[in-house]
């Protein structure tokens, strides 16, 4: 099941990358994957990045995802996603 969730995440990430626009439907779909708590490492960081970017209905929820991304990226020492987390947080404020 984790492989299926990861594949869905990659597809959504590609869609977001190609569309270059925020989309609440994408956030809603990704939230279902988030609730499963099955992704690890970079896949989890990418999921949080996409959730923070695409969440449009709830600013606090978007900021929560950005904060979680920052926390987890710092924990594993991933500078790229640490930067992205702060970037997403700054864009939402």
Protein backbone atom coordinates (compact mmCIF):
# COMPACT_ATOMS: atom_id res chain seq x y z
CA UNK A 1 0.00 0.00 0.00
CA UNK A 2 2.90 2.37 0.72
CA UNK A 3 4.12 1.98 -2.85
CA UNK A 4 0.65 2.85 -4.17
CA UNK A 5 0.51 5.95 -1.96
CA UNK A 6 3.97 7.00 -3.10
CA UNK A 7 2.99 6.57 -6.75
CA UNK A 8 -0.10 8.71 -6.19
CA UNK A 9 2.06 11.33 -4.52
CA UNK A 10 4.45 11.39 -7.46
CA UNK A 11 1.57 11.73 -9.90
CA UNK A 12 0.08 14.61 -7.91
CA UNK A 13 3.47 16.27 -7.59
CA UNK A 14 3.95 16.02 -11.34
CA UNK A 15 0.49 17.43 -11.93
CA UNK A 16 1.20 20.33 -9.58
CA UNK A 17 4.55 20.95 -11.22
CA UNK A 18 3.03 21.01 -14.68
CA UNK A 19 0.03 23.08 -13.69
CA UNK A 20 2.03 25.49 -11.52
CA UNK A 21 -1.15 26.54 -9.78
CA UNK A 22 -2.64 25.87 -6.40
CA UNK A 23 -5.52 23.43 -6.41
CA UNK A 24 -7.72 22.59 -3.45
CA UNK A 25 -8.80 19.31 -5.07
CA UNK A 26 -5.16 18.21 -5.10
CA UNK A 27 -4.80 19.18 -1.44
CA UNK A 28 -7.93 17.21 -0.54
CA UNK A 29 -6.63 14.11 -2.32
CA UNK A 30 -3.19 14.42 -0.78
CA UNK A 31 -4.71 14.84 2.67
CA UNK A 32 -6.09 11.30 2.40
CA UNK A 33 -2.54 10.03 1.86
CA UNK A 34 -1.31 12.19 4.74
CA UNK A 35 -3.87 10.62 7.10
CA UNK A 36 -2.52 7.13 6.36
CA UNK A 37 0.89 8.04 7.90
CA UNK A 38 2.66 5.53 5.65
CA UNK A 39 5.14 7.72 3.80
CA UNK A 40 8.69 8.18 5.07
CA UNK A 41 11.76 10.23 4.32
CA UNK A 42 11.70 12.39 1.18
CA UNK A 43 8.25 11.17 0.12
CA UNK A 44 6.80 12.47 3.38
CA UNK A 45 8.58 15.81 2.97
CA UNK A 46 7.29 16.13 -0.60
CA UNK A 47 3.77 15.34 0.58
CA UNK A 48 3.95 18.09 3.21
CA UNK A 49 5.31 20.52 0.63
CA UNK A 50 2.42 19.81 -1.72
CA UNK A 51 -0.15 20.01 1.06
CA UNK A 52 1.14 23.38 2.22
CA UNK A 53 1.24 24.72 -1.34
CA UNK A 54 -2.20 23.53 -2.43
CA UNK A 55 -4.27 24.12 0.70
CA UNK A 56 -6.49 27.11 -0.13
CA UNK A 57 -9.52 26.81 2.16
CA UNK A 58 -7.71 26.92 5.49
CA UNK A 59 -4.71 29.22 5.97
CA UNK A 60 -3.97 27.77 9.42
CA UNK A 61 -3.90 24.25 8.01
CA UNK A 62 -1.53 25.33 5.24
CA UNK A 63 0.74 26.92 7.84
CA UNK A 64 0.52 23.76 9.95
CA UNK A 65 1.80 21.70 7.01
CA UNK A 66 4.60 24.21 6.40
CA UNK A 67 5.59 24.07 10.08
CA UNK A 68 5.53 20.28 10.03
CA UNK A 69 7.67 20.30 6.89
CA UNK A 70 10.18 22.62 8.59
CA UNK A 71 10.28 20.46 11.71
CA UNK A 72 10.74 17.17 9.88
CA UNK A 73 13.27 18.59 7.41
CA UNK A 74 15.30 19.99 10.30
CA UNK A 75 15.12 16.63 12.10
CA UNK A 76 16.61 14.74 9.13
CA UNK A 77 18.95 17.55 8.08
CA UNK A 78 17.36 18.13 4.68
CA UNK A 79 18.29 21.71 3.80
CA UNK A 80 16.29 21.71 0.56
CA UNK A 81 12.99 20.94 2.26
CA UNK A 82 13.83 23.18 5.21
CA UNK A 83 14.14 26.05 2.74
CA UNK A 84 10.92 25.03 0.97
CA UNK A 85 9.07 24.90 4.29
CA UNK A 86 10.10 28.43 5.20
CA UNK A 87 9.32 29.59 1.66
CA UNK A 88 5.81 28.09 1.80
CA UNK A 89 5.23 29.59 5.23
CA UNK A 90 6.33 33.03 4.01
CA UNK A 91 4.10 32.83 0.95
CA UNK A 92 1.04 32.05 3.05
CA UNK A 93 1.43 34.97 5.44
